[in-house]
């Protein structure tokens, strides 16, 4: 029985996408440096998507905290849609969707990561 359970767990792990990443605030991120999607979560605000994008860039992609992350998704987001990001400015919007000055459509990975509410509360 233990062997069957071990095989089932191994198959479950193998079935999940190789690029799947669970960000610090439990948001799922899929993709790579060229394009990555923070999956839709009910009630999420733009800062939540940016938090997950920053966490993904720092911990999965191992970028420098000063590396720009660009918003690719249009503003406003269509209902029940996640937010698309990239480390490349190609196809980027000119608005992050959050209040920052100046608002150029990108944030540094470190700044995006600093928007994580749960992480701030634990400090």
N, C-alpha and C. Protein backbone atom coordinates (compact mmCIF):
# COMPACT_ATOMS: atom_id res chain seq x y z
N UNK A 1 0.81 -1.20 0.00
CA UNK A 1 0.00 0.00 0.00
C UNK A 1 0.86 1.26 0.00
N UNK A 2 1.96 1.27 0.77
CA UNK A 2 2.82 2.45 0.81
C UNK A 2 3.43 2.71 -0.55
N UNK A 3 3.74 1.65 -1.28
CA UNK A 3 4.32 1.80 -2.61
C UNK A 3 3.32 2.46 -3.55
N UNK A 4 2.07 2.04 -3.48
CA UNK A 4 1.04 2.63 -4.33
C UNK A 4 0.87 4.11 -4.00
N UNK A 5 0.87 4.45 -2.71
CA UNK A 5 0.74 5.85 -2.30
C UNK A 5 1.93 6.67 -2.79
N UNK A 6 3.12 6.11 -2.70
CA UNK A 6 4.32 6.81 -3.16
C UNK A 6 4.26 7.05 -4.67
N UNK A 7 3.78 6.07 -5.42
CA UNK A 7 3.66 6.22 -6.86
C UNK A 7 2.63 7.30 -7.19
N UNK A 8 1.51 7.31 -6.46
CA UNK A 8 0.47 8.32 -6.69
C UNK A 8 1.00 9.72 -6.43
N UNK A 9 1.77 9.90 -5.37
CA UNK A 9 2.35 11.20 -5.07
C UNK A 9 3.33 11.60 -6.17
N UNK A 10 4.16 10.68 -6.60
CA UNK A 10 5.13 10.97 -7.66
C UNK A 10 4.43 11.36 -8.96
N UNK A 11 3.36 10.67 -9.30
CA UNK A 11 2.61 11.00 -10.51
C UNK A 11 1.95 12.37 -10.39
N UNK A 12 1.45 12.69 -9.22
CA UNK A 12 0.85 14.00 -8.99
C UNK A 12 1.85 15.12 -9.17
N UNK A 13 3.06 14.92 -8.66
CA UNK A 13 4.12 15.91 -8.82
C UNK A 13 4.51 16.04 -10.28
N UNK A 14 4.63 14.92 -10.96
CA UNK A 14 5.02 14.94 -12.36
C UNK A 14 3.95 15.59 -13.24
N UNK A 15 2.68 15.51 -12.82
CA UNK A 15 1.59 16.05 -13.62
C UNK A 15 1.51 17.58 -13.55
N UNK A 16 2.07 18.19 -12.51
CA UNK A 16 2.01 19.64 -12.41
C UNK A 16 3.02 20.26 -13.36
N UNK A 17 2.69 21.42 -13.92
CA UNK A 17 3.60 22.05 -14.89
C UNK A 17 4.96 22.36 -14.27
N UNK A 18 6.00 22.18 -15.06
CA UNK A 18 7.35 22.44 -14.56
C UNK A 18 7.54 23.89 -14.17
N UNK A 19 6.81 24.80 -14.81
CA UNK A 19 6.99 26.21 -14.53
C UNK A 19 6.10 26.71 -13.39
N UNK A 20 5.24 25.85 -12.84
CA UNK A 20 4.34 26.30 -11.77
C UNK A 20 5.14 26.71 -10.55
N UNK A 21 4.76 27.84 -9.97
CA UNK A 21 5.43 28.39 -8.79
C UNK A 21 4.35 28.93 -7.87
N UNK A 22 4.44 28.63 -6.60
CA UNK A 22 3.50 29.18 -5.63
C UNK A 22 4.21 30.31 -4.90
N UNK A 23 3.75 31.52 -5.11
CA UNK A 23 4.36 32.70 -4.51
C UNK A 23 4.08 32.75 -3.02
N UNK A 24 4.81 33.63 -2.34
CA UNK A 24 4.74 33.76 -0.89
C UNK A 24 3.31 33.92 -0.39
N UNK A 25 2.49 34.69 -1.06
CA UNK A 25 1.11 34.90 -0.64
C UNK A 25 0.14 33.89 -1.27
N UNK A 26 0.65 32.74 -1.70
CA UNK A 26 -0.11 31.60 -2.22
C UNK A 26 -0.71 31.82 -3.61
N UNK A 27 -0.22 32.78 -4.35
CA UNK A 27 -0.66 32.96 -5.73
C UNK A 27 0.16 32.03 -6.62
N UNK A 28 -0.50 31.45 -7.62
CA UNK A 28 0.19 30.56 -8.56
C UNK A 28 0.72 31.38 -9.72
N UNK A 29 1.98 31.13 -10.07
CA UNK A 29 2.62 31.83 -11.18
C UNK A 29 3.13 30.78 -12.16
N UNK A 30 2.81 30.96 -13.43
CA UNK A 30 3.25 30.04 -14.49
C UNK A 30 4.00 30.83 -15.55
N UNK A 31 5.10 30.26 -16.04
CA UNK A 31 5.82 30.88 -17.14
C UNK A 31 7.30 30.97 -16.90
N UNK A 32 7.93 31.90 -17.63
CA UNK A 32 9.37 32.10 -17.53
C UNK A 32 9.66 33.60 -17.67
N UNK A 33 10.92 33.95 -17.81
CA UNK A 33 11.30 35.37 -17.84
C UNK A 33 10.66 36.14 -18.99
N UNK A 34 10.40 35.47 -20.11
CA UNK A 34 9.83 36.18 -21.25
C UNK A 34 8.37 36.55 -21.01
N UNK A 35 7.62 35.69 -20.38
CA UNK A 35 6.21 35.94 -20.03
C UNK A 35 5.84 35.05 -18.85
N UNK A 36 5.25 35.65 -17.82
CA UNK A 36 4.73 34.85 -16.73
C UNK A 36 3.40 35.41 -16.25
N UNK A 37 2.50 34.50 -15.92
CA UNK A 37 1.13 34.84 -15.54
C UNK A 37 0.92 34.54 -14.08
N UNK A 38 0.48 35.56 -13.35
CA UNK A 38 0.00 35.35 -11.98
C UNK A 38 -1.48 35.03 -12.13
N UNK A 39 -1.85 33.83 -11.75
CA UNK A 39 -3.20 33.34 -11.98
C UNK A 39 -4.23 34.12 -11.16
N UNK A 40 -5.43 34.21 -11.70
CA UNK A 40 -6.54 34.93 -11.09
C UNK A 40 -6.85 34.38 -9.70
N UNK A 41 -7.10 35.28 -8.77
CA UNK A 41 -7.58 34.96 -7.43
C UNK A 41 -8.73 35.90 -7.12
N UNK A 42 -9.89 35.38 -6.70
CA UNK A 42 -11.02 36.25 -6.38
C UNK A 42 -10.63 37.28 -5.31
N UNK A 43 -11.02 38.52 -5.53
CA UNK A 43 -10.76 39.58 -4.58
C UNK A 43 -9.36 40.17 -4.61
N UNK A 44 -8.53 39.71 -5.54
CA UNK A 44 -7.15 40.20 -5.61
C UNK A 44 -7.10 41.62 -6.17
N UNK A 45 -6.20 42.40 -5.62
CA UNK A 45 -5.93 43.75 -6.12
C UNK A 45 -4.63 43.70 -6.94
N UNK A 46 -4.37 44.74 -7.69
CA UNK A 46 -3.16 44.79 -8.51
C UNK A 46 -1.91 44.56 -7.67
N UNK A 47 -1.86 45.11 -6.46
CA UNK A 47 -0.67 44.94 -5.61
C UNK A 47 -0.42 43.48 -5.28
N UNK A 48 -1.50 42.66 -5.18
CA UNK A 48 -1.33 41.23 -4.91
C UNK A 48 -0.65 40.53 -6.08
N UNK A 49 -1.05 40.89 -7.30
CA UNK A 49 -0.43 40.31 -8.49
C UNK A 49 1.04 40.75 -8.59
N UNK A 50 1.30 42.03 -8.30
CA UNK A 50 2.68 42.52 -8.34
C UNK A 50 3.53 41.82 -7.28
N UNK A 51 2.98 41.62 -6.09
CA UNK A 51 3.69 40.90 -5.03
C UNK A 51 4.13 39.53 -5.53
N UNK A 52 3.20 38.78 -6.11
CA UNK A 52 3.52 37.44 -6.62
C UNK A 52 4.55 37.51 -7.74
N UNK A 53 4.43 38.50 -8.60
CA UNK A 53 5.39 38.67 -9.70
C UNK A 53 6.78 38.95 -9.16
N UNK A 54 6.87 39.82 -8.15
CA UNK A 54 8.17 40.12 -7.55
C UNK A 54 8.78 38.91 -6.87
N UNK A 55 7.95 38.16 -6.14
CA UNK A 55 8.43 36.95 -5.47
C UNK A 55 8.93 35.94 -6.49
N UNK A 56 8.17 35.75 -7.57
CA UNK A 56 8.55 34.83 -8.65
C UNK A 56 9.88 35.25 -9.27
N UNK A 57 10.00 36.52 -9.57
CA UNK A 57 11.23 37.01 -10.21
C UNK A 57 12.45 36.82 -9.30
N UNK A 58 12.29 37.11 -8.02
CA UNK A 58 13.42 37.00 -7.10
C UNK A 58 13.76 35.55 -6.76
N UNK A 59 12.75 34.75 -6.42
CA UNK A 59 13.04 33.39 -5.95
C UNK A 59 13.11 32.34 -7.05
N UNK A 60 12.33 32.46 -8.11
CA UNK A 60 12.36 31.45 -9.18
C UNK A 60 13.36 31.83 -10.26
N UNK A 61 13.32 33.11 -10.69
CA UNK A 61 14.19 33.54 -11.78
C UNK A 61 15.54 34.03 -11.28
N UNK A 62 15.68 34.22 -9.97
CA UNK A 62 16.94 34.66 -9.35
C UNK A 62 17.48 35.96 -9.94
N UNK A 63 16.59 36.93 -10.15
CA UNK A 63 17.02 38.22 -10.69
C UNK A 63 17.47 39.13 -9.56
N UNK A 64 18.18 40.18 -9.92
CA UNK A 64 18.59 41.21 -8.99
C UNK A 64 17.34 42.00 -8.58
N UNK A 65 17.24 42.47 -7.32
CA UNK A 65 16.07 43.23 -6.90
C UNK A 65 15.81 44.50 -7.72
N UNK A 66 16.81 45.02 -8.41
CA UNK A 66 16.61 46.22 -9.22
C UNK A 66 16.10 45.91 -10.63
N UNK A 67 15.97 44.64 -10.98
CA UNK A 67 15.51 44.24 -12.31
C UNK A 67 14.07 44.70 -12.54
N UNK A 68 13.79 45.39 -13.64
CA UNK A 68 12.41 45.82 -13.91
C UNK A 68 11.51 44.63 -14.28
N UNK A 69 10.30 44.69 -13.78
CA UNK A 69 9.24 43.77 -14.18
C UNK A 69 8.18 44.62 -14.87
N UNK A 70 7.78 44.19 -16.05
CA UNK A 70 6.83 44.95 -16.86
C UNK A 70 5.45 44.29 -16.84
N UNK A 71 4.43 45.11 -16.75
CA UNK A 71 3.06 44.62 -16.85
C UNK A 71 2.72 44.50 -18.32
N UNK A 72 2.28 43.31 -18.72
CA UNK A 72 1.89 43.07 -20.11
C UNK A 72 0.37 43.14 -20.25
N UNK A 73 -0.36 42.73 -19.23
CA UNK A 73 -1.83 42.74 -19.28
C UNK A 73 -2.37 44.15 -19.42
N UNK A 74 -3.46 44.29 -20.18
CA UNK A 74 -4.07 45.60 -20.33
C UNK A 74 -4.73 46.06 -19.03
N UNK A 75 -4.93 47.35 -18.94
CA UNK A 75 -5.65 47.91 -17.80
C UNK A 75 -6.93 48.52 -18.35
N UNK A 76 -8.08 48.21 -17.81
CA UNK A 76 -8.30 47.30 -16.68
C UNK A 76 -8.25 45.84 -17.12
N UNK A 77 -8.01 44.97 -16.15
CA UNK A 77 -8.01 43.54 -16.43
C UNK A 77 -9.43 43.06 -16.72
N UNK A 78 -9.57 42.18 -17.69
CA UNK A 78 -10.89 41.57 -17.88
C UNK A 78 -11.26 40.78 -16.61
N UNK A 79 -12.54 40.66 -16.34
CA UNK A 79 -12.99 39.92 -15.16
C UNK A 79 -12.46 38.50 -15.15
N UNK A 80 -12.12 38.04 -13.94
CA UNK A 80 -11.66 36.66 -13.69
C UNK A 80 -10.44 36.31 -14.53
N UNK A 81 -9.53 37.27 -14.69
CA UNK A 81 -8.30 37.07 -15.46
C UNK A 81 -7.10 37.41 -14.59
N UNK A 82 -6.07 36.60 -14.68
CA UNK A 82 -4.83 36.89 -13.98
C UNK A 82 -4.08 38.02 -14.67
N UNK A 83 -2.89 38.31 -14.15
CA UNK A 83 -2.10 39.40 -14.73
C UNK A 83 -0.81 38.85 -15.32
N UNK A 84 -0.51 39.28 -16.54
CA UNK A 84 0.68 38.84 -17.27
C UNK A 84 1.81 39.84 -17.08
N UNK A 85 3.03 39.31 -16.87
CA UNK A 85 4.23 40.13 -16.67
C UNK A 85 5.36 39.62 -17.55
N UNK A 86 6.42 40.42 -17.63
CA UNK A 86 7.62 40.03 -18.37
C UNK A 86 8.82 40.81 -17.83
N UNK A 87 9.99 40.25 -18.06
CA UNK A 87 11.21 40.99 -17.75
C UNK A 87 11.66 41.81 -18.95
N UNK A 88 10.92 41.71 -20.05
CA UNK A 88 11.20 42.45 -21.27
C UNK A 88 10.14 43.54 -21.45
N UNK A 89 10.54 44.73 -21.91
CA UNK A 89 9.55 45.79 -22.12
C UNK A 89 8.67 45.58 -23.35
N UNK A 90 8.97 44.58 -24.16
CA UNK A 90 8.19 44.35 -25.38
C UNK A 90 6.73 44.03 -25.04
N UNK A 91 5.83 44.84 -25.55
CA UNK A 91 4.40 44.64 -25.33
C UNK A 91 3.89 45.15 -23.99
N UNK A 92 4.73 45.88 -23.24
CA UNK A 92 4.35 46.35 -21.91
C UNK A 92 3.35 47.51 -21.99
N UNK A 93 2.52 47.62 -20.96
CA UNK A 93 1.62 48.75 -20.83
C UNK A 93 2.39 49.91 -20.22
N UNK A 94 1.77 51.07 -20.20
CA UNK A 94 2.44 52.23 -19.58
C UNK A 94 1.86 52.54 -18.21
N UNK A 95 1.11 51.60 -17.63
CA UNK A 95 0.48 51.81 -16.33
C UNK A 95 0.55 50.52 -15.52
N UNK A 96 1.05 50.60 -14.31
CA UNK A 96 1.17 49.41 -13.45
C UNK A 96 -0.16 48.96 -12.89
N UNK A 97 -1.11 49.87 -12.75
CA UNK A 97 -2.38 49.54 -12.13
C UNK A 97 -2.37 49.82 -10.63
N UNK A 98 -1.23 50.29 -10.11
CA UNK A 98 -1.14 50.70 -8.72
C UNK A 98 -0.60 52.12 -8.68
N UNK A 99 -0.81 52.79 -7.55
CA UNK A 99 -0.38 54.18 -7.43
C UNK A 99 1.10 54.25 -7.11
N UNK A 100 1.90 54.63 -8.10
CA UNK A 100 3.33 54.88 -7.93
C UNK A 100 3.68 56.10 -8.78
N UNK A 101 4.68 56.83 -8.34
CA UNK A 101 5.14 58.01 -9.08
C UNK A 101 6.62 57.84 -9.37
N UNK A 102 7.06 57.91 -10.60
CA UNK A 102 6.26 57.97 -11.83
C UNK A 102 5.74 56.58 -12.18
N UNK A 103 4.62 56.54 -12.87
CA UNK A 103 3.99 55.28 -13.27
C UNK A 103 4.38 54.99 -14.72
N UNK A 104 5.37 54.14 -14.89
CA UNK A 104 5.90 53.83 -16.23
C UNK A 104 5.47 52.47 -16.75
N UNK A 105 4.68 51.75 -15.98
CA UNK A 105 4.26 50.42 -16.42
C UNK A 105 5.16 49.31 -15.92
N UNK A 106 6.18 49.65 -15.14
CA UNK A 106 7.03 48.61 -14.57
C UNK A 106 7.41 48.97 -13.15
N UNK A 107 7.79 47.95 -12.40
CA UNK A 107 8.33 48.11 -11.04
C UNK A 107 9.57 47.26 -10.94
N UNK A 108 10.46 47.60 -10.03
CA UNK A 108 11.60 46.73 -9.80
C UNK A 108 11.11 45.47 -9.08
N UNK A 109 11.83 44.39 -9.26
CA UNK A 109 11.46 43.13 -8.61
C UNK A 109 11.40 43.30 -7.09
N UNK A 110 12.35 44.03 -6.53
CA UNK A 110 12.38 44.24 -5.09
C UNK A 110 11.19 45.05 -4.60
N UNK A 111 10.82 46.11 -5.35
CA UNK A 111 9.67 46.92 -4.96
C UNK A 111 8.39 46.10 -5.06
N UNK A 112 8.24 45.34 -6.15
CA UNK A 112 7.05 44.50 -6.31
C UNK A 112 6.94 43.51 -5.16
N UNK A 113 8.05 42.89 -4.81
CA UNK A 113 8.07 41.93 -3.70
C UNK A 113 7.71 42.60 -2.37
N UNK A 114 8.05 43.86 -2.21
CA UNK A 114 7.76 44.57 -0.96
C UNK A 114 6.27 44.83 -0.77
N UNK A 115 5.47 44.62 -1.83
CA UNK A 115 4.03 44.82 -1.74
C UNK A 115 3.29 43.65 -1.09
N UNK A 116 4.02 42.61 -0.73
CA UNK A 116 3.41 41.42 -0.11
C UNK A 116 2.95 41.75 1.30
N UNK A 117 1.65 41.75 1.51
CA UNK A 117 1.07 42.10 2.82
C UNK A 117 1.46 41.10 3.89
N UNK A 118 1.38 39.83 3.60
CA UNK A 118 1.67 38.80 4.59
C UNK A 118 3.11 38.90 5.06
N UNK A 119 4.01 39.13 4.14
CA UNK A 119 5.42 39.22 4.49
C UNK A 119 5.67 40.44 5.39
N UNK A 120 5.02 41.56 5.08
CA UNK A 120 5.18 42.76 5.91
C UNK A 120 4.68 42.52 7.32
N UNK A 121 3.58 41.80 7.46
CA UNK A 121 2.99 41.56 8.78
C UNK A 121 3.88 40.66 9.63
N UNK A 122 4.68 39.78 9.01
CA UNK A 122 5.53 38.85 9.75
C UNK A 122 6.86 39.47 10.16
N UNK A 123 7.20 40.63 9.64
CA UNK A 123 8.49 41.24 9.94
C UNK A 123 8.52 41.83 11.32
